Amino acid sequence: MEDEIVNKVAQSKLITFNLEDYYSKGERMVLDIKDWLYEGFILKEKEFRAFVDAHDWSQYKDAYVAMHCSTDAIIPGWAYLLLSVKLSGIAKKAIQGSLVDLETSIYQNVIETIDVSDYQDKLIIIKGCSKKPVPANAYLFLAERLKPVAKSIMYGEACSSVPLYKRK
């Protein structure tokens, strides 16, 4: 009789947590305000407000929006507040920052809503590879969220994981 190959990973009590499964669907868009500034660097309130009023906000319907200025201009805080007021009720979410900042914010909200009681006293591997844009901070948020309930937390794949935490 031949020796049967046994998949010990499949038989283990390890739970793989894949952040990619929690990727929020929706278009990601960047709103760069540099073209609304005088010579790309100076915000003149009257002209800026005119650009804001003339802008087609409907293009951001149900999208996630990262607002920023790609020049080194100093933008007063009220400018982004004004933009967020315009996007409110149109976009799913709007933040001031980069696309990575946006994705981080989205994941932070999602991770805060996960019912971690399902992971009580479990051995968890946080899957490291992803085809979707999972920001590095999402892994940190998840580990922090799981630590109070998990028996152990590892990172990577079942065949080559890195231990992160083990409850004593």
N, C-alpha and C. Protein backbone atom coordinates (compact mmCIF):
# COMPACT_ATOMS: atom_id res chain seq x y z
N MET A 1 0.84 -1.17 0.00
CA MET A 1 0.00 0.00 0.00
C MET A 1 0.88 1.24 0.00
N GLU A 2 0.55 2.17 -0.88
CA GLU A 2 1.33 3.40 -0.97
C GLU A 2 1.00 4.33 0.19
N ASP A 3 2.01 5.10 0.56
CA ASP A 3 1.77 6.10 1.60
C ASP A 3 0.89 7.22 1.03
N GLU A 4 -0.17 7.48 1.73
CA GLU A 4 -1.09 8.53 1.29
C GLU A 4 -0.53 9.89 1.68
N ILE A 5 -0.62 10.85 0.77
CA ILE A 5 -0.17 12.21 1.07
C ILE A 5 -1.27 12.90 1.86
N VAL A 6 -0.90 13.42 3.01
CA VAL A 6 -1.87 14.07 3.89
C VAL A 6 -1.59 15.57 3.90
N ASN A 7 -2.63 16.33 3.65
CA ASN A 7 -2.53 17.79 3.69
C ASN A 7 -2.75 18.23 5.13
N LYS A 8 -1.66 18.42 5.86
CA LYS A 8 -1.75 18.77 7.27
C LYS A 8 -2.26 20.20 7.46
N VAL A 9 -2.02 21.05 6.49
CA VAL A 9 -2.51 22.43 6.57
C VAL A 9 -4.03 22.44 6.54
N ALA A 10 -4.60 21.66 5.63
CA ALA A 10 -6.07 21.60 5.52
C ALA A 10 -6.70 21.00 6.77
N GLN A 11 -5.98 20.13 7.44
CA GLN A 11 -6.52 19.48 8.63
C GLN A 11 -6.28 20.29 9.91
N SER A 12 -5.48 21.31 9.82
CA SER A 12 -5.15 22.09 11.01
C SER A 12 -6.33 22.96 11.45
N LYS A 13 -6.22 23.50 12.63
CA LYS A 13 -7.26 24.37 13.18
C LYS A 13 -6.99 25.83 12.85
N LEU A 14 -6.05 26.06 11.96
CA LEU A 14 -5.70 27.43 11.57
C LEU A 14 -6.83 28.08 10.79
N ILE A 15 -7.08 29.33 11.07
CA ILE A 15 -8.05 30.12 10.31
C ILE A 15 -7.28 31.18 9.55
N THR A 16 -7.44 31.17 8.24
CA THR A 16 -6.77 32.18 7.42
C THR A 16 -7.69 33.39 7.27
N PHE A 17 -7.17 34.54 7.63
CA PHE A 17 -7.91 35.79 7.50
C PHE A 17 -7.32 36.55 6.32
N ASN A 18 -8.12 36.70 5.28
CA ASN A 18 -7.66 37.35 4.05
C ASN A 18 -8.30 38.73 3.96
N LEU A 19 -7.52 39.76 4.15
CA LEU A 19 -8.05 41.12 4.09
C LEU A 19 -8.62 41.46 2.72
N GLU A 20 -8.16 40.79 1.71
CA GLU A 20 -8.67 41.00 0.35
C GLU A 20 -10.17 40.71 0.29
N ASP A 21 -10.65 39.81 1.13
CA ASP A 21 -12.08 39.48 1.17
C ASP A 21 -12.92 40.65 1.68
N TYR A 22 -12.28 41.62 2.31
CA TYR A 22 -12.99 42.77 2.89
C TYR A 22 -12.80 44.04 2.06
N TYR A 23 -12.31 43.88 0.85
CA TYR A 23 -12.12 45.02 -0.05
C TYR A 23 -13.48 45.62 -0.40
N SER A 24 -13.65 46.89 -0.15
CA SER A 24 -14.92 47.57 -0.44
C SER A 24 -15.00 47.90 -1.92
N LYS A 25 -16.07 47.44 -2.55
CA LYS A 25 -16.26 47.70 -3.97
C LYS A 25 -16.63 49.16 -4.19
N GLY A 26 -16.18 49.69 -5.29
CA GLY A 26 -16.48 51.07 -5.65
C GLY A 26 -15.27 51.70 -6.29
N GLU A 27 -15.52 52.62 -7.18
CA GLU A 27 -14.44 53.30 -7.89
C GLU A 27 -13.67 54.20 -6.94
N ARG A 28 -12.36 54.23 -7.09
CA ARG A 28 -11.49 55.14 -6.35
C ARG A 28 -11.12 56.28 -7.29
N MET A 29 -11.28 57.50 -6.81
CA MET A 29 -10.99 58.67 -7.64
C MET A 29 -10.13 59.66 -6.86
N VAL A 30 -9.34 60.42 -7.61
CA VAL A 30 -8.50 61.47 -7.04
C VAL A 30 -9.04 62.82 -7.50
N LEU A 31 -9.22 63.72 -6.56
CA LEU A 31 -9.60 65.09 -6.87
C LEU A 31 -8.40 65.97 -6.55
N ASP A 32 -7.67 66.36 -7.59
CA ASP A 32 -6.48 67.19 -7.44
C ASP A 32 -6.88 68.64 -7.68
N ILE A 33 -6.69 69.48 -6.69
CA ILE A 33 -7.16 70.87 -6.80
C ILE A 33 -6.12 71.83 -7.37
N LYS A 34 -5.00 71.33 -7.81
CA LYS A 34 -3.94 72.22 -8.30
C LYS A 34 -4.41 73.13 -9.42
N ASP A 35 -5.29 72.64 -10.27
CA ASP A 35 -5.77 73.45 -11.39
C ASP A 35 -6.77 74.52 -10.96
N TRP A 36 -7.19 74.47 -9.72
CA TRP A 36 -8.12 75.47 -9.19
C TRP A 36 -7.39 76.58 -8.45
N LEU A 37 -6.06 76.52 -8.47
CA LEU A 37 -5.23 77.50 -7.79
C LEU A 37 -4.58 78.45 -8.79
N TYR A 38 -4.38 79.66 -8.38
CA TYR A 38 -3.69 80.64 -9.22
C TYR A 38 -2.25 80.18 -9.41
N GLU A 39 -1.87 79.98 -10.66
CA GLU A 39 -0.55 79.48 -11.04
C GLU A 39 -0.20 78.16 -10.32
N GLY A 40 -1.21 77.44 -9.91
CA GLY A 40 -1.02 76.14 -9.28
C GLY A 40 -0.54 76.19 -7.85
N PHE A 41 -0.39 77.41 -7.29
CA PHE A 41 0.18 77.52 -5.94
C PHE A 41 -0.59 78.40 -4.97
N ILE A 42 -1.41 79.29 -5.46
CA ILE A 42 -2.06 80.26 -4.57
C ILE A 42 -3.57 80.07 -4.62
N LEU A 43 -4.15 79.87 -3.47
CA LEU A 43 -5.60 79.73 -3.40
C LEU A 43 -6.20 81.11 -3.19
N LYS A 44 -6.92 81.56 -4.18
CA LYS A 44 -7.67 82.81 -4.07
C LYS A 44 -9.12 82.40 -3.83
N GLU A 45 -9.66 82.80 -2.68
CA GLU A 45 -10.95 82.29 -2.25
C GLU A 45 -12.05 82.48 -3.29
N LYS A 46 -12.18 83.66 -3.84
CA LYS A 46 -13.28 83.93 -4.79
C LYS A 46 -13.18 83.02 -6.02
N GLU A 47 -11.98 82.90 -6.59
CA GLU A 47 -11.79 82.06 -7.77
C GLU A 47 -11.94 80.57 -7.43
N PHE A 48 -11.43 80.19 -6.26
CA PHE A 48 -11.54 78.80 -5.83
C PHE A 48 -13.01 78.41 -5.68
N ARG A 49 -13.78 79.27 -5.04
CA ARG A 49 -15.21 78.99 -4.86
C ARG A 49 -15.93 78.92 -6.21
N ALA A 50 -15.49 79.72 -7.16
CA ALA A 50 -16.09 79.67 -8.50
C ALA A 50 -15.82 78.32 -9.16
N PHE A 51 -14.59 77.81 -9.03
CA PHE A 51 -14.25 76.48 -9.56
C PHE A 51 -15.10 75.40 -8.88
N VAL A 52 -15.24 75.51 -7.56
CA VAL A 52 -16.01 74.53 -6.80
C VAL A 52 -17.47 74.54 -7.26
N ASP A 53 -18.04 75.74 -7.43
CA ASP A 53 -19.44 75.84 -7.86
C ASP A 53 -19.65 75.33 -9.28
N ALA A 54 -18.66 75.50 -10.15
CA ALA A 54 -18.80 75.09 -11.55
C ALA A 54 -18.47 73.62 -11.77
N HIS A 55 -17.86 72.99 -10.79
CA HIS A 55 -17.39 71.60 -10.94
C HIS A 55 -18.57 70.63 -11.02
N ASP A 56 -18.43 69.60 -11.84
CA ASP A 56 -19.44 68.56 -11.96
C ASP A 56 -19.23 67.51 -10.87
N TRP A 57 -19.95 67.63 -9.78
CA TRP A 57 -19.78 66.75 -8.63
C TRP A 57 -20.42 65.39 -8.86
N SER A 58 -21.31 65.30 -9.83
CA SER A 58 -22.01 64.03 -10.08
C SER A 58 -21.06 62.91 -10.53
N GLN A 59 -19.90 63.27 -11.04
CA GLN A 59 -18.94 62.25 -11.49
C GLN A 59 -18.41 61.40 -10.33
N TYR A 60 -18.61 61.87 -9.11
CA TYR A 60 -18.11 61.15 -7.93
C TYR A 60 -19.20 60.30 -7.28
N LYS A 61 -20.32 60.13 -7.95
CA LYS A 61 -21.45 59.37 -7.41
C LYS A 61 -20.99 57.97 -7.01
N ASP A 62 -21.20 57.63 -5.74
CA ASP A 62 -20.88 56.32 -5.16
C ASP A 62 -19.41 55.93 -5.29
N ALA A 63 -18.53 56.90 -5.42
CA ALA A 63 -17.09 56.63 -5.51
C ALA A 63 -16.42 56.95 -4.18
N TYR A 64 -15.22 56.46 -4.02
CA TYR A 64 -14.36 56.82 -2.91
C TYR A 64 -13.39 57.87 -3.45
N VAL A 65 -13.27 59.00 -2.75
CA VAL A 65 -12.53 60.13 -3.29
C VAL A 65 -11.39 60.55 -2.36
N ALA A 66 -10.20 60.65 -2.95
CA ALA A 66 -9.03 61.18 -2.25
C ALA A 66 -8.79 62.60 -2.78
N MET A 67 -8.93 63.58 -1.91
CA MET A 67 -8.71 64.98 -2.29
C MET A 67 -7.29 65.38 -1.91
N HIS A 68 -6.60 66.02 -2.85
CA HIS A 68 -5.26 66.49 -2.52
C HIS A 68 -4.84 67.57 -3.50
N CYS A 69 -3.68 68.13 -3.26
CA CYS A 69 -3.07 69.10 -4.17
C CYS A 69 -1.69 68.57 -4.51
N SER A 70 -1.44 68.36 -5.79
CA SER A 70 -0.18 67.75 -6.22
C SER A 70 0.97 68.75 -6.32
N THR A 71 0.70 70.03 -6.02
CA THR A 71 1.80 70.99 -5.96
C THR A 71 2.15 71.22 -4.48
N ASP A 72 3.17 72.02 -4.25
CA ASP A 72 3.60 72.32 -2.88
C ASP A 72 2.83 73.49 -2.27
N ALA A 73 1.67 73.79 -2.80
CA ALA A 73 0.87 74.90 -2.30
C ALA A 73 0.43 74.65 -0.86
N ILE A 74 0.30 75.72 -0.12
CA ILE A 74 -0.25 75.63 1.23
C ILE A 74 -1.75 75.89 1.10
N ILE A 75 -2.51 74.87 1.43
CA ILE A 75 -3.96 74.93 1.27
C ILE A 75 -4.60 75.14 2.64
N PRO A 76 -5.41 76.18 2.79
CA PRO A 76 -6.09 76.37 4.08
C PRO A 76 -7.07 75.22 4.35
N GLY A 77 -7.23 74.88 5.60
CA GLY A 77 -8.08 73.76 5.99
C GLY A 77 -9.51 73.87 5.50
N TRP A 78 -10.05 75.06 5.43
CA TRP A 78 -11.44 75.22 5.02
C TRP A 78 -11.67 74.75 3.58
N ALA A 79 -10.63 74.79 2.75
CA ALA A 79 -10.79 74.42 1.33
C ALA A 79 -11.22 72.96 1.21
N TYR A 80 -10.55 72.07 1.93
CA TYR A 80 -10.92 70.65 1.88
C TYR A 80 -12.27 70.41 2.56
N LEU A 81 -12.57 71.20 3.58
CA LEU A 81 -13.89 71.09 4.22
C LEU A 81 -14.99 71.46 3.22
N LEU A 82 -14.75 72.50 2.45
CA LEU A 82 -15.71 72.92 1.43
C LEU A 82 -15.93 71.80 0.41
N LEU A 83 -14.85 71.19 -0.01
CA LEU A 83 -14.95 70.08 -0.98
C LEU A 83 -15.70 68.90 -0.37
N SER A 84 -15.43 68.61 0.90
CA SER A 84 -16.11 67.46 1.53
C SER A 84 -17.61 67.73 1.68
N VAL A 85 -17.97 68.98 1.91
CA VAL A 85 -19.40 69.34 1.97
C VAL A 85 -20.05 69.10 0.62
N LYS A 86 -19.35 69.45 -0.46
CA LYS A 86 -19.89 69.23 -1.81
C LYS A 86 -20.01 67.73 -2.12
N LEU A 87 -19.07 66.94 -1.63
CA LEU A 87 -19.08 65.49 -1.91
C LEU A 87 -20.03 64.72 -1.00
N SER A 88 -20.40 65.31 0.11
CA SER A 88 -21.30 64.66 1.06
C SER A 88 -22.64 64.33 0.40
N GLY A 89 -23.03 63.07 0.52
CA GLY A 89 -24.28 62.63 -0.09
C GLY A 89 -24.12 62.18 -1.53
N ILE A 90 -22.92 62.39 -2.08
CA ILE A 90 -22.63 61.96 -3.46
C ILE A 90 -21.64 60.80 -3.43
N ALA A 91 -20.47 61.08 -2.85
CA ALA A 91 -19.42 60.06 -2.76
C ALA A 91 -19.69 59.14 -1.57
N LYS A 92 -19.20 57.89 -1.66
CA LYS A 92 -19.31 56.97 -0.53
C LYS A 92 -18.45 57.46 0.62
N LYS A 93 -17.28 58.00 0.28
CA LYS A 93 -16.34 58.48 1.29
C LYS A 93 -15.38 59.45 0.62
N ALA A 94 -15.01 60.49 1.33
CA ALA A 94 -14.02 61.44 0.83
C ALA A 94 -13.04 61.76 1.95
N ILE A 95 -11.76 61.74 1.61
CA ILE A 95 -10.72 62.07 2.59
C ILE A 95 -9.73 63.03 1.95
N GLN A 96 -8.97 63.72 2.78
CA GLN A 96 -7.86 64.53 2.30
C GLN A 96 -6.63 63.65 2.37
N GLY A 97 -6.00 63.40 1.22
CA GLY A 97 -4.81 62.58 1.20
C GLY A 97 -4.69 61.81 -0.10
N SER A 98 -3.83 60.82 -0.08
CA SER A 98 -3.53 60.03 -1.27
C SER A 98 -4.50 58.85 -1.40
N LEU A 99 -4.35 58.11 -2.49
CA LEU A 99 -5.16 56.89 -2.66
C LEU A 99 -4.84 55.86 -1.57
N VAL A 100 -3.58 55.81 -1.15
CA VAL A 100 -3.21 54.89 -0.06
C VAL A 100 -3.90 55.33 1.24
N ASP A 101 -3.92 56.64 1.49
CA ASP A 101 -4.62 57.14 2.67
C ASP A 101 -6.11 56.80 2.61
N LEU A 102 -6.67 56.92 1.43
CA LEU A 102 -8.09 56.59 1.23
C LEU A 102 -8.35 55.12 1.52
N GLU A 103 -7.52 54.25 0.93
CA GLU A 103 -7.69 52.81 1.13
C GLU A 103 -7.51 52.44 2.60
N THR A 104 -6.56 53.09 3.26
CA THR A 104 -6.33 52.86 4.69
C THR A 104 -7.57 53.23 5.49
N SER A 105 -8.15 54.37 5.17
CA SER A 105 -9.35 54.82 5.87
C SER A 105 -10.53 53.87 5.66
N ILE A 106 -10.68 53.40 4.44
CA ILE A 106 -11.76 52.46 4.12
C ILE A 106 -11.58 51.18 4.92
N TYR A 107 -10.37 50.64 4.90
CA TYR A 107 -10.11 49.39 5.63
C TYR A 107 -10.26 49.58 7.14
N GLN A 108 -9.85 50.72 7.64
CA GLN A 108 -9.98 50.96 9.08
C GLN A 108 -11.45 50.89 9.48
N ASN A 109 -12.31 51.51 8.69
CA ASN A 109 -13.75 51.46 8.98
C ASN A 109 -14.28 50.04 8.92
N VAL A 110 -13.86 49.29 7.91
CA VAL A 110 -14.33 47.91 7.75
C VAL A 110 -13.86 47.04 8.92
N ILE A 111 -12.60 47.16 9.28
CA ILE A 111 -12.03 46.32 10.34
C ILE A 111 -12.70 46.63 11.69
N GLU A 112 -13.05 47.89 11.91
CA GLU A 112 -13.72 48.25 13.17
C GLU A 112 -15.10 47.60 13.30
N THR A 113 -15.70 47.21 12.19
CA THR A 113 -17.04 46.61 12.24
C THR A 113 -17.04 45.08 12.24
N ILE A 114 -15.88 44.47 12.11
CA ILE A 114 -15.80 43.01 12.09
C ILE A 114 -16.14 42.45 13.47
N ASP A 115 -17.01 41.44 13.49
CA ASP A 115 -17.35 40.76 14.73
C ASP A 115 -16.21 39.79 15.05
N VAL A 116 -15.36 40.18 15.98
CA VAL A 116 -14.18 39.36 16.29
C VAL A 116 -14.50 38.20 17.22
N SER A 117 -15.72 38.14 17.72
CA SER A 117 -16.06 37.03 18.63
C SER A 117 -15.95 35.68 17.92
N ASP A 118 -16.07 35.67 16.59
CA ASP A 118 -15.91 34.44 15.82
C ASP A 118 -14.48 33.90 15.90
N TYR A 119 -13.54 34.73 16.32
CA TYR A 119 -12.13 34.36 16.37
C TYR A 119 -11.64 34.09 17.79
N GLN A 120 -12.57 33.99 18.73
CA GLN A 120 -12.23 33.75 20.13
C GLN A 120 -11.45 32.44 20.27
N ASP A 121 -10.26 32.54 20.85
CA ASP A 121 -9.39 31.39 21.15
C ASP A 121 -8.99 30.61 19.90
N LYS A 122 -8.92 31.26 18.75
CA LYS A 122 -8.56 30.59 17.49
C LYS A 122 -7.10 30.88 17.13
N LEU A 123 -6.56 30.00 16.30
CA LEU A 123 -5.22 30.18 15.73
C LEU A 123 -5.44 30.87 14.37
N ILE A 124 -4.93 32.08 14.23
CA ILE A 124 -5.23 32.88 13.04
C ILE A 124 -3.96 33.20 12.26
N ILE A 125 -4.07 33.04 10.95
CA ILE A 125 -3.02 33.50 10.04
C ILE A 125 -3.59 34.64 9.22
N ILE A 126 -2.94 35.78 9.30
CA ILE A 126 -3.32 36.92 8.47
C ILE A 126 -2.58 36.74 7.15
N LYS A 127 -3.34 36.50 6.09
CA LYS A 127 -2.75 36.25 4.78
C LYS A 127 -2.03 37.51 4.30
N GLY A 128 -0.81 37.33 3.81
CA GLY A 128 0.02 38.46 3.44
C GLY A 128 -0.08 38.90 1.99
N CYS A 129 -0.31 37.99 1.08
CA CYS A 129 -0.34 38.33 -0.34
C CYS A 129 -1.75 38.72 -0.76
N SER A 130 -1.82 39.68 -1.67
CA SER A 130 -3.12 40.14 -2.11
C SER A 130 -3.04 40.66 -3.53
N LYS A 131 -4.11 40.45 -4.28
CA LYS A 131 -4.19 40.99 -5.64
C LYS A 131 -4.87 42.35 -5.65
N LYS A 132 -5.53 42.67 -4.56
CA LYS A 132 -6.21 43.96 -4.42
C LYS A 132 -5.34 44.88 -3.58
N PRO A 133 -5.54 46.19 -3.68
CA PRO A 133 -4.68 47.13 -2.95
C PRO A 133 -5.01 47.21 -1.46
N VAL A 134 -4.43 46.29 -0.71
CA VAL A 134 -4.60 46.30 0.74
C VAL A 134 -3.42 47.09 1.32
N PRO A 135 -3.69 48.22 1.98
CA PRO A 135 -2.59 49.03 2.52
C PRO A 135 -1.94 48.37 3.73
N ALA A 136 -0.69 48.66 3.95
CA ALA A 136 0.07 48.07 5.06
C ALA A 136 -0.61 48.31 6.40
N ASN A 137 -1.17 49.48 6.60
CA ASN A 137 -1.82 49.78 7.88
C ASN A 137 -3.02 48.89 8.16
N ALA A 138 -3.66 48.37 7.13
CA ALA A 138 -4.82 47.49 7.35
C ALA A 138 -4.40 46.25 8.13
N TYR A 139 -3.21 45.74 7.86
CA TYR A 139 -2.71 44.57 8.59
C TYR A 139 -2.49 44.92 10.07
N LEU A 140 -2.00 46.13 10.32
CA LEU A 140 -1.79 46.57 11.69
C LEU A 140 -3.12 46.70 12.43
N PHE A 141 -4.10 47.32 11.77
CA PHE A 141 -5.43 47.47 12.38
C PHE A 141 -6.02 46.11 12.72
N LEU A 142 -5.88 45.17 11.78
CA LEU A 142 -6.45 43.84 11.98
C LEU A 142 -5.77 43.11 13.14
N ALA A 143 -4.46 43.14 13.19
CA ALA A 143 -3.74 42.46 14.28
C ALA A 143 -4.15 43.05 15.63
N GLU A 144 -4.27 44.36 15.69
CA GLU A 144 -4.68 45.01 16.94
C GLU A 144 -6.10 44.60 17.33
N ARG A 145 -6.95 44.47 16.35
CA ARG A 145 -8.37 44.10 16.59
C ARG A 145 -8.48 42.64 17.03
N LEU A 146 -7.67 41.76 16.47
CA LEU A 146 -7.75 40.33 16.78
C LEU A 146 -7.03 39.93 18.06
N LYS A 147 -6.02 40.68 18.44
CA LYS A 147 -5.19 40.28 19.59
C LYS A 147 -5.98 39.99 20.86
N PRO A 148 -6.97 40.77 21.24
CA PRO A 148 -7.68 40.48 22.49
C PRO A 148 -8.44 39.15 22.49
N VAL A 149 -8.76 38.61 21.32
CA VAL A 149 -9.57 37.39 21.28
C VAL A 149 -8.81 36.16 20.79
N ALA A 150 -7.81 36.35 19.95
CA ALA A 150 -7.11 35.22 19.33
C ALA A 150 -6.19 34.50 20.31
N LYS A 151 -6.06 33.21 20.08
CA LYS A 151 -5.09 32.42 20.84
C LYS A 151 -3.69 32.68 20.30
N SER A 152 -3.60 32.76 18.96
CA SER A 152 -2.33 33.13 18.33
C SER A 152 -2.61 33.82 17.01
N ILE A 153 -1.67 34.67 16.62
CA ILE A 153 -1.76 35.38 15.35
C ILE A 153 -0.44 35.18 14.62
N MET A 154 -0.55 34.79 13.36
CA MET A 154 0.62 34.63 12.50
C MET A 154 0.38 35.43 11.22
N TYR A 155 1.42 35.60 10.46
CA TYR A 155 1.34 36.35 9.22
C TYR A 155 1.96 35.53 8.10
N GLY A 156 1.33 35.54 6.94
CA GLY A 156 1.89 34.86 5.78
C GLY A 156 0.95 33.79 5.25
N GLU A 157 1.49 32.64 4.99
CA GLU A 157 0.73 31.47 4.51
C GLU A 157 0.95 30.34 5.50
N ALA A 158 0.03 29.39 5.50
CA ALA A 158 0.12 28.27 6.46
C ALA A 158 1.45 27.52 6.34
N CYS A 159 1.98 27.45 5.13
CA CYS A 159 3.22 26.70 4.93
C CYS A 159 4.47 27.49 5.33
N SER A 160 4.33 28.79 5.48
CA SER A 160 5.49 29.61 5.84
C SER A 160 5.03 30.87 6.56
N SER A 161 4.54 30.70 7.75
CA SER A 161 4.02 31.85 8.50
C SER A 161 5.03 32.37 9.50
N VAL A 162 4.85 33.63 9.85
CA VAL A 162 5.69 34.28 10.84
C VAL A 162 4.84 34.50 12.10
N PRO A 163 5.27 33.93 13.24
CA PRO A 163 4.48 34.13 14.46
C PRO A 163 4.54 35.59 14.92
N LEU A 164 3.38 36.14 15.28
CA LEU A 164 3.31 37.53 15.75
C LEU A 164 2.90 37.63 17.22
N TYR A 165 1.98 36.74 17.61
CA TYR A 165 1.44 36.83 18.95
C TYR A 165 0.96 35.45 19.39
N LYS A 166 1.21 35.15 20.66
CA LYS A 166 0.68 33.91 21.24
C LYS A 166 0.29 34.22 22.68
N ARG A 167 -0.98 33.97 22.99
CA ARG A 167 -1.47 34.22 24.33
C ARG A 167 -0.81 33.24 25.29
N LYS A 168 -0.42 33.72 26.41
CA LYS A 168 0.24 32.89 27.43
C LYS A 168 -0.79 32.13 28.23
